[in-house]
């Protein structure tokens, strides 16, 4: 056995850089996204006041919901983002459903990455930045994605 394989895996304790990420849609890496936000989930708390018990309120686990993902990228000639949105506009929801992975890259191997997977993802909103003749900035398109379920991928 090599010395490398005998060493215990060291847990990364320096924080990840927020600008080193990848996005995969249905397992295919897509390029050009400059920002991802909305990675959050929330579990509702159901409170119940028991009759005759005035000292405290019971708190129970309610439904877990996931926020919509927001992806931003520069507008280019390839119009696949809006074509995906058009599937929903035309009522082809089943055809529009995708699985998306957000991969936060932390090192040289995939074991150093954090990966979140989102299922039954579909574009619920598309928006373009304003066109401004007095500004030389990029045109940015924003894609808001609804989803059913998200999880951290533990298979690393």
N, C-alpha and C. Protein backbone atom coordinates (compact mmCIF):
# COMPACT_ATOMS: atom_id res chain seq x y z
N UNK A 1 0.83 -1.18 0.00
CA UNK A 1 0.00 0.00 0.00
C UNK A 1 0.87 1.24 0.00
N UNK A 2 0.48 2.24 -0.79
CA UNK A 2 1.27 3.46 -0.85
C UNK A 2 1.01 4.31 0.39
N UNK A 3 1.96 5.19 0.65
CA UNK A 3 1.84 6.08 1.80
C UNK A 3 0.62 6.98 1.65
N UNK A 4 0.35 7.38 0.41
CA UNK A 4 -0.78 8.27 0.14
C UNK A 4 -2.10 7.61 0.52
N UNK A 5 -2.28 6.32 0.17
CA UNK A 5 -3.54 5.65 0.47
C UNK A 5 -3.68 5.32 1.95
N UNK A 6 -2.58 5.27 2.68
CA UNK A 6 -2.64 4.97 4.10
C UNK A 6 -3.01 6.19 4.93
N UNK A 7 -2.80 7.37 4.39
CA UNK A 7 -3.11 8.59 5.13
C UNK A 7 -4.63 8.74 5.26
N UNK A 8 -5.05 9.20 6.40
CA UNK A 8 -6.47 9.47 6.61
C UNK A 8 -6.86 10.71 5.80
N UNK A 9 -8.07 10.70 5.33
CA UNK A 9 -8.55 11.85 4.57
C UNK A 9 -8.63 13.06 5.49
N UNK A 10 -8.02 14.14 5.05
CA UNK A 10 -8.02 15.36 5.83
C UNK A 10 -9.28 16.15 5.50
N UNK A 11 -9.98 16.59 6.51
CA UNK A 11 -11.18 17.39 6.31
C UNK A 11 -10.77 18.82 5.98
N UNK A 12 -11.34 19.34 4.91
CA UNK A 12 -11.04 20.70 4.49
C UNK A 12 -11.62 21.66 5.52
N UNK A 13 -10.77 22.56 6.04
CA UNK A 13 -11.28 23.52 7.01
C UNK A 13 -11.07 24.97 6.59
N UNK A 14 -10.56 25.20 5.37
CA UNK A 14 -10.54 26.56 4.86
C UNK A 14 -11.77 26.74 3.97
N UNK A 15 -12.40 27.90 4.01
CA UNK A 15 -13.66 28.09 3.28
C UNK A 15 -13.48 28.05 1.76
N UNK A 16 -14.55 27.66 1.09
CA UNK A 16 -14.57 27.65 -0.37
C UNK A 16 -14.66 29.08 -0.91
N UNK A 17 -14.13 29.30 -2.07
CA UNK A 17 -14.28 30.58 -2.77
C UNK A 17 -15.63 30.55 -3.50
N UNK A 18 -16.37 31.63 -3.44
CA UNK A 18 -17.72 31.63 -4.02
C UNK A 18 -17.71 31.73 -5.54
N UNK A 19 -16.60 32.07 -6.13
CA UNK A 19 -16.56 32.27 -7.59
C UNK A 19 -16.12 31.03 -8.35
N UNK A 20 -15.81 29.94 -7.68
CA UNK A 20 -15.37 28.72 -8.37
C UNK A 20 -16.49 27.69 -8.26
N UNK A 21 -17.40 27.71 -9.25
CA UNK A 21 -18.51 26.77 -9.25
C UNK A 21 -18.81 26.31 -10.67
N UNK A 22 -19.49 25.19 -10.75
CA UNK A 22 -19.94 24.65 -12.03
C UNK A 22 -21.43 24.33 -11.93
N UNK A 23 -22.07 24.30 -13.07
CA UNK A 23 -23.49 23.93 -13.12
C UNK A 23 -23.65 22.83 -14.15
N UNK A 24 -24.36 21.78 -13.76
CA UNK A 24 -24.70 20.70 -14.68
C UNK A 24 -26.22 20.63 -14.79
N UNK A 25 -26.70 20.48 -16.01
CA UNK A 25 -28.13 20.28 -16.26
C UNK A 25 -28.27 18.92 -16.93
N UNK A 26 -28.98 18.03 -16.26
CA UNK A 26 -29.12 16.64 -16.71
C UNK A 26 -27.76 16.00 -16.98
N UNK A 27 -26.79 16.29 -16.11
CA UNK A 27 -25.47 15.67 -16.19
C UNK A 27 -24.52 16.30 -17.20
N UNK A 28 -24.96 17.35 -17.89
CA UNK A 28 -24.11 18.02 -18.88
C UNK A 28 -23.69 19.37 -18.32
N UNK A 29 -22.39 19.61 -18.29
CA UNK A 29 -21.90 20.87 -17.76
C UNK A 29 -22.24 22.01 -18.71
N UNK A 30 -22.80 23.08 -18.16
CA UNK A 30 -23.14 24.27 -18.95
C UNK A 30 -22.28 25.42 -18.48
N UNK A 31 -21.93 26.29 -19.40
CA UNK A 31 -20.98 27.35 -19.11
C UNK A 31 -21.64 28.73 -19.18
N UNK A 32 -20.95 29.70 -18.64
CA UNK A 32 -21.35 31.08 -18.80
C UNK A 32 -22.12 31.68 -17.65
N UNK A 33 -22.49 30.90 -16.66
CA UNK A 33 -23.23 31.48 -15.54
C UNK A 33 -22.28 32.24 -14.64
N UNK A 34 -22.68 33.43 -14.28
CA UNK A 34 -21.84 34.29 -13.45
C UNK A 34 -22.29 34.33 -12.01
N UNK A 35 -23.53 33.88 -11.75
CA UNK A 35 -24.05 33.95 -10.39
C UNK A 35 -25.13 32.90 -10.20
N UNK A 36 -25.14 32.31 -9.00
CA UNK A 36 -26.18 31.38 -8.58
C UNK A 36 -26.63 31.82 -7.20
N UNK A 37 -27.92 31.91 -6.99
CA UNK A 37 -28.43 32.22 -5.66
C UNK A 37 -29.71 31.44 -5.42
N UNK A 38 -30.20 31.51 -4.20
CA UNK A 38 -31.44 30.82 -3.85
C UNK A 38 -31.25 29.43 -3.30
N UNK A 39 -30.02 29.06 -2.96
CA UNK A 39 -29.79 27.74 -2.39
C UNK A 39 -30.21 27.78 -0.93
N UNK A 40 -31.49 27.51 -0.69
CA UNK A 40 -31.98 27.50 0.68
C UNK A 40 -33.20 26.59 0.79
N UNK A 41 -33.42 26.13 1.98
CA UNK A 41 -34.63 25.36 2.28
C UNK A 41 -35.10 25.72 3.67
N UNK A 42 -36.36 25.42 3.93
CA UNK A 42 -36.96 25.80 5.21
C UNK A 42 -37.96 24.74 5.61
N UNK A 43 -37.97 24.39 6.87
CA UNK A 43 -38.97 23.48 7.41
C UNK A 43 -39.89 24.28 8.31
N UNK A 44 -41.17 24.25 8.00
CA UNK A 44 -42.15 24.98 8.81
C UNK A 44 -42.26 24.34 10.20
N UNK A 45 -42.60 25.16 11.16
CA UNK A 45 -42.83 24.70 12.53
C UNK A 45 -44.32 24.79 12.80
N UNK A 46 -44.89 23.68 13.19
CA UNK A 46 -46.31 23.62 13.53
C UNK A 46 -46.42 23.67 15.05
N UNK A 47 -47.06 24.73 15.56
CA UNK A 47 -47.20 24.88 17.01
C UNK A 47 -48.57 24.40 17.46
N UNK A 48 -48.57 23.72 18.62
CA UNK A 48 -49.81 23.20 19.17
C UNK A 48 -49.84 23.51 20.67
N UNK A 49 -50.89 24.22 21.07
CA UNK A 49 -51.07 24.55 22.49
C UNK A 49 -51.96 23.49 23.11
N UNK A 50 -51.38 22.68 23.98
CA UNK A 50 -52.11 21.60 24.63
C UNK A 50 -53.03 22.18 25.69
N UNK A 51 -54.26 21.72 25.69
CA UNK A 51 -55.22 22.19 26.69
C UNK A 51 -54.75 21.86 28.10
N UNK A 52 -54.77 22.84 29.00
CA UNK A 52 -54.37 22.62 30.38
C UNK A 52 -52.87 22.79 30.62
N UNK A 53 -52.09 22.89 29.55
CA UNK A 53 -50.62 23.08 29.68
C UNK A 53 -50.29 24.52 29.29
N UNK A 54 -49.98 25.35 30.29
CA UNK A 54 -49.71 26.75 30.03
C UNK A 54 -48.23 27.09 30.07
N UNK A 55 -47.38 26.14 30.40
CA UNK A 55 -45.95 26.40 30.54
C UNK A 55 -45.21 26.49 29.20
N UNK A 56 -45.70 25.75 28.21
CA UNK A 56 -45.01 25.72 26.91
C UNK A 56 -45.96 25.32 25.80
N UNK A 57 -45.50 25.53 24.59
CA UNK A 57 -46.23 25.15 23.39
C UNK A 57 -45.44 24.03 22.70
N UNK A 58 -46.14 22.99 22.28
CA UNK A 58 -45.48 21.92 21.53
C UNK A 58 -45.12 22.45 20.14
N UNK A 59 -43.96 22.08 19.67
CA UNK A 59 -43.54 22.46 18.32
C UNK A 59 -43.24 21.20 17.53
N UNK A 60 -43.90 21.06 16.38
CA UNK A 60 -43.76 19.89 15.54
C UNK A 60 -43.19 20.27 14.18
N UNK A 61 -42.59 19.29 13.54
CA UNK A 61 -42.02 19.50 12.22
C UNK A 61 -43.13 19.57 11.19
N UNK A 62 -43.08 20.61 10.37
CA UNK A 62 -44.05 20.79 9.30
C UNK A 62 -43.44 20.44 7.95
N UNK A 63 -43.93 21.06 6.92
CA UNK A 63 -43.49 20.79 5.55
C UNK A 63 -42.17 21.51 5.26
N UNK A 64 -41.30 20.83 4.52
CA UNK A 64 -40.05 21.44 4.06
C UNK A 64 -40.24 21.95 2.65
N UNK A 65 -39.81 23.19 2.42
CA UNK A 65 -39.90 23.78 1.09
C UNK A 65 -38.51 24.27 0.67
N UNK A 66 -38.33 24.37 -0.64
CA UNK A 66 -37.06 24.81 -1.21
C UNK A 66 -37.29 26.09 -1.99
N UNK A 67 -36.38 27.04 -1.82
CA UNK A 67 -36.47 28.31 -2.55
C UNK A 67 -36.18 28.07 -4.03
N UNK A 68 -36.67 28.98 -4.84
CA UNK A 68 -36.34 28.94 -6.26
C UNK A 68 -34.87 29.29 -6.44
N UNK A 69 -34.23 28.64 -7.40
CA UNK A 69 -32.85 28.97 -7.76
C UNK A 69 -32.86 30.14 -8.73
N UNK A 70 -31.86 31.00 -8.61
CA UNK A 70 -31.70 32.13 -9.52
C UNK A 70 -30.34 31.98 -10.20
N UNK A 71 -30.34 31.88 -11.52
CA UNK A 71 -29.11 31.79 -12.30
C UNK A 71 -28.98 33.02 -13.17
N UNK A 72 -27.77 33.58 -13.25
CA UNK A 72 -27.53 34.75 -14.09
C UNK A 72 -26.37 34.46 -15.02
N UNK A 73 -26.53 34.91 -16.27
CA UNK A 73 -25.47 34.72 -17.26
C UNK A 73 -25.56 35.82 -18.31
N UNK A 74 -24.46 36.02 -18.99
CA UNK A 74 -24.43 36.97 -20.09
C UNK A 74 -25.19 36.43 -21.28
N UNK A 75 -25.88 37.31 -21.99
CA UNK A 75 -26.63 36.91 -23.19
C UNK A 75 -25.65 36.64 -24.33
N UNK A 76 -25.81 35.49 -24.97
CA UNK A 76 -24.99 35.11 -26.13
C UNK A 76 -25.93 34.68 -27.26
N UNK A 77 -25.37 34.34 -28.41
CA UNK A 77 -26.20 33.94 -29.55
C UNK A 77 -26.99 32.66 -29.28
N UNK A 78 -26.39 31.71 -28.58
CA UNK A 78 -27.08 30.45 -28.27
C UNK A 78 -28.25 30.77 -27.33
N UNK A 79 -29.45 30.47 -27.77
CA UNK A 79 -30.66 30.88 -27.06
C UNK A 79 -31.29 29.75 -26.26
N UNK A 80 -30.51 28.77 -25.80
CA UNK A 80 -31.08 27.59 -25.15
C UNK A 80 -31.83 27.94 -23.86
N UNK A 81 -31.41 28.99 -23.16
CA UNK A 81 -32.06 29.36 -21.90
C UNK A 81 -33.52 29.75 -22.17
N UNK A 82 -33.72 30.63 -23.15
CA UNK A 82 -35.09 31.06 -23.44
C UNK A 82 -35.90 29.94 -24.09
N UNK A 83 -35.27 29.10 -24.88
CA UNK A 83 -35.98 27.96 -25.48
C UNK A 83 -36.49 27.02 -24.39
N UNK A 84 -35.70 26.83 -23.33
CA UNK A 84 -36.13 26.01 -22.19
C UNK A 84 -37.35 26.66 -21.55
N UNK A 85 -37.30 27.96 -21.35
CA UNK A 85 -38.43 28.70 -20.77
C UNK A 85 -39.67 28.57 -21.65
N UNK A 86 -39.51 28.61 -22.96
CA UNK A 86 -40.65 28.50 -23.88
C UNK A 86 -41.38 27.16 -23.77
N UNK A 87 -40.67 26.11 -23.38
CA UNK A 87 -41.35 24.82 -23.16
C UNK A 87 -42.44 24.98 -22.11
N UNK A 88 -42.15 25.73 -21.04
CA UNK A 88 -43.13 25.95 -19.99
C UNK A 88 -44.26 26.86 -20.49
N UNK A 89 -43.89 27.93 -21.17
CA UNK A 89 -44.89 28.86 -21.70
C UNK A 89 -45.87 28.13 -22.61
N UNK A 90 -45.37 27.18 -23.40
CA UNK A 90 -46.20 26.41 -24.33
C UNK A 90 -46.95 25.26 -23.67
N UNK A 91 -46.76 25.08 -22.34
CA UNK A 91 -47.48 24.04 -21.61
C UNK A 91 -46.82 22.68 -21.62
N UNK A 92 -45.58 22.58 -22.08
CA UNK A 92 -44.86 21.30 -22.13
C UNK A 92 -44.02 21.10 -20.87
N UNK A 93 -44.69 21.10 -19.72
CA UNK A 93 -43.98 21.06 -18.43
C UNK A 93 -43.16 19.78 -18.28
N UNK A 94 -43.71 18.63 -18.63
CA UNK A 94 -42.96 17.38 -18.46
C UNK A 94 -41.68 17.38 -19.28
N UNK A 95 -41.74 17.96 -20.45
CA UNK A 95 -40.57 18.06 -21.31
C UNK A 95 -39.54 19.05 -20.76
N UNK A 96 -40.00 20.00 -19.95
CA UNK A 96 -39.12 21.03 -19.40
C UNK A 96 -38.40 20.61 -18.12
N UNK A 97 -38.85 19.54 -17.46
CA UNK A 97 -38.27 19.14 -16.18
C UNK A 97 -36.82 18.68 -16.34
N UNK A 98 -35.96 19.18 -15.47
CA UNK A 98 -34.53 18.85 -15.51
C UNK A 98 -34.03 18.56 -14.10
N UNK A 99 -32.85 17.96 -14.03
CA UNK A 99 -32.10 17.80 -12.79
C UNK A 99 -30.89 18.70 -12.90
N UNK A 100 -30.67 19.52 -11.88
CA UNK A 100 -29.55 20.47 -11.90
C UNK A 100 -28.63 20.18 -10.73
N UNK A 101 -27.34 20.22 -11.00
CA UNK A 101 -26.32 20.11 -9.95
C UNK A 101 -25.54 21.41 -9.88
N UNK A 102 -25.39 21.93 -8.69
CA UNK A 102 -24.53 23.08 -8.43
C UNK A 102 -23.31 22.52 -7.72
N UNK A 103 -22.14 22.71 -8.31
CA UNK A 103 -20.91 22.11 -7.80
C UNK A 103 -19.97 23.23 -7.36
N UNK A 104 -19.71 23.28 -6.07
CA UNK A 104 -18.77 24.25 -5.52
C UNK A 104 -17.41 23.58 -5.52
N UNK A 105 -16.51 24.09 -6.34
CA UNK A 105 -15.22 23.45 -6.57
C UNK A 105 -14.23 23.93 -5.52
N UNK A 106 -13.59 22.96 -4.86
CA UNK A 106 -12.70 23.33 -3.77
C UNK A 106 -11.28 22.84 -3.91
N UNK A 107 -11.00 22.03 -4.88
CA UNK A 107 -9.65 21.51 -4.98
C UNK A 107 -9.42 20.76 -6.27
N UNK A 108 -8.40 19.93 -6.26
CA UNK A 108 -7.99 19.24 -7.48
C UNK A 108 -8.81 17.99 -7.77
N UNK A 109 -9.47 17.43 -6.78
CA UNK A 109 -10.25 16.21 -7.00
C UNK A 109 -11.71 16.46 -6.68
N UNK A 110 -12.58 15.59 -7.19
CA UNK A 110 -14.01 15.74 -6.93
C UNK A 110 -14.34 15.53 -5.46
N UNK A 111 -13.45 14.87 -4.71
CA UNK A 111 -13.68 14.69 -3.28
C UNK A 111 -13.61 16.00 -2.53
N UNK A 112 -13.03 17.02 -3.15
CA UNK A 112 -12.92 18.32 -2.50
C UNK A 112 -14.10 19.23 -2.82
N UNK A 113 -15.08 18.74 -3.55
CA UNK A 113 -16.20 19.55 -3.98
C UNK A 113 -17.41 19.35 -3.07
N UNK A 114 -18.26 20.36 -3.02
CA UNK A 114 -19.58 20.23 -2.42
C UNK A 114 -20.57 20.27 -3.56
N UNK A 115 -21.53 19.35 -3.57
CA UNK A 115 -22.46 19.25 -4.68
C UNK A 115 -23.89 19.24 -4.14
N UNK A 116 -24.73 20.09 -4.72
CA UNK A 116 -26.15 20.09 -4.41
C UNK A 116 -26.90 19.71 -5.66
N UNK A 117 -27.87 18.80 -5.51
CA UNK A 117 -28.69 18.37 -6.64
C UNK A 117 -30.12 18.81 -6.42
N UNK A 118 -30.75 19.25 -7.50
CA UNK A 118 -32.13 19.71 -7.46
C UNK A 118 -32.91 18.97 -8.53
N UNK A 119 -34.12 18.52 -8.16
CA UNK A 119 -34.91 17.65 -9.03
C UNK A 119 -36.20 18.32 -9.47
N UNK A 120 -36.70 17.88 -10.62
CA UNK A 120 -37.93 18.43 -11.22
C UNK A 120 -37.84 19.95 -11.33
N UNK A 121 -36.74 20.41 -11.89
CA UNK A 121 -36.48 21.84 -12.03
C UNK A 121 -37.06 22.34 -13.35
N UNK A 122 -37.73 23.48 -13.30
CA UNK A 122 -38.28 24.09 -14.52
C UNK A 122 -38.23 25.60 -14.39
N UNK A 123 -38.02 26.29 -15.51
CA UNK A 123 -37.89 27.75 -15.48
C UNK A 123 -39.26 28.42 -15.31
N UNK A 124 -39.43 29.13 -14.21
CA UNK A 124 -40.71 29.82 -13.95
C UNK A 124 -40.64 31.30 -14.30
N UNK A 125 -39.43 31.82 -14.55
CA UNK A 125 -39.32 33.24 -14.91
C UNK A 125 -38.01 33.46 -15.66
N UNK A 126 -38.07 34.27 -16.69
CA UNK A 126 -36.89 34.72 -17.44
C UNK A 126 -36.93 36.24 -17.48
N UNK A 127 -35.77 36.87 -17.31
CA UNK A 127 -35.71 38.32 -17.33
C UNK A 127 -34.37 38.77 -17.91
N UNK A 128 -34.41 39.85 -18.68
CA UNK A 128 -33.19 40.43 -19.22
C UNK A 128 -32.89 41.72 -18.49
N UNK A 129 -31.60 42.03 -18.39
CA UNK A 129 -31.24 43.34 -17.85
C UNK A 129 -31.66 44.41 -18.86
N UNK A 130 -31.69 45.63 -18.40
CA UNK A 130 -32.14 46.70 -19.30
C UNK A 130 -31.09 46.97 -20.37
N UNK A 131 -31.54 47.46 -21.49
CA UNK A 131 -30.65 47.91 -22.55
C UNK A 131 -30.46 49.41 -22.33
N UNK A 132 -29.21 49.85 -22.27
CA UNK A 132 -28.91 51.23 -21.91
C UNK A 132 -27.80 51.75 -22.81
N UNK A 133 -28.12 52.68 -23.69
CA UNK A 133 -27.14 53.22 -24.63
C UNK A 133 -26.03 54.01 -23.92
N UNK A 134 -26.23 54.38 -22.68
CA UNK A 134 -25.24 55.16 -21.93
C UNK A 134 -24.35 54.27 -21.05
N UNK A 135 -24.50 52.97 -21.17
CA UNK A 135 -23.75 52.03 -20.32
C UNK A 135 -23.08 51.00 -21.22
N UNK A 136 -21.83 50.68 -20.94
CA UNK A 136 -21.13 49.69 -21.76
C UNK A 136 -21.06 48.32 -21.09
N UNK A 137 -21.95 48.05 -20.13
CA UNK A 137 -21.97 46.77 -19.43
C UNK A 137 -22.57 45.66 -20.27
N UNK A 138 -22.49 44.46 -19.76
CA UNK A 138 -23.03 43.29 -20.43
C UNK A 138 -24.54 43.19 -20.27
N UNK A 139 -25.18 42.57 -21.23
CA UNK A 139 -26.59 42.23 -21.10
C UNK A 139 -26.65 40.90 -20.34
N UNK A 140 -27.36 40.90 -19.24
CA UNK A 140 -27.45 39.73 -18.38
C UNK A 140 -28.87 39.19 -18.41
N UNK A 141 -28.99 37.86 -18.58
CA UNK A 141 -30.31 37.25 -18.46
C UNK A 141 -30.37 36.50 -17.15
N UNK A 142 -31.54 36.61 -16.51
CA UNK A 142 -31.77 35.97 -15.22
C UNK A 142 -32.82 34.89 -15.42
N UNK A 143 -32.54 33.72 -14.91
CA UNK A 143 -33.45 32.59 -15.02
C UNK A 143 -33.82 32.14 -13.62
N UNK A 144 -35.10 32.19 -13.31
CA UNK A 144 -35.58 31.71 -12.01
C UNK A 144 -36.13 30.32 -12.21
N UNK A 145 -35.70 29.39 -11.35
CA UNK A 145 -36.04 27.98 -11.51
C UNK A 145 -36.81 27.47 -10.30
N UNK A 146 -38.00 26.94 -10.55
CA UNK A 146 -38.78 26.28 -9.51
C UNK A 146 -38.29 24.83 -9.42
N UNK A 147 -38.41 24.25 -8.23
CA UNK A 147 -37.95 22.86 -8.05
C UNK A 147 -38.79 22.17 -7.01
N UNK A 148 -38.76 20.85 -7.05
CA UNK A 148 -39.52 20.05 -6.09
C UNK A 148 -38.68 19.65 -4.88
N UNK A 149 -37.44 19.29 -5.13
CA UNK A 149 -36.62 18.72 -4.06
C UNK A 149 -35.17 19.05 -4.29
N UNK A 150 -34.45 19.28 -3.22
CA UNK A 150 -33.01 19.50 -3.30
C UNK A 150 -32.31 18.72 -2.21
N UNK A 151 -31.08 18.33 -2.48
CA UNK A 151 -30.30 17.59 -1.49
C UNK A 151 -28.82 17.79 -1.75
N UNK A 152 -28.03 17.62 -0.70
CA UNK A 152 -26.59 17.63 -0.91
C UNK A 152 -26.19 16.22 -1.33
N UNK A 153 -25.39 16.13 -2.37
CA UNK A 153 -24.94 14.85 -2.89
C UNK A 153 -23.85 14.31 -1.98
N UNK A 154 -24.10 13.21 -1.33
CA UNK A 154 -23.15 12.63 -0.38
C UNK A 154 -22.25 11.57 -1.01
N UNK A 155 -22.33 11.37 -2.33
CA UNK A 155 -21.60 10.31 -3.00
C UNK A 155 -20.15 10.65 -3.27
N UNK A 156 -19.69 11.80 -2.85
CA UNK A 156 -18.34 12.24 -3.15
C UNK A 156 -17.32 11.27 -2.70
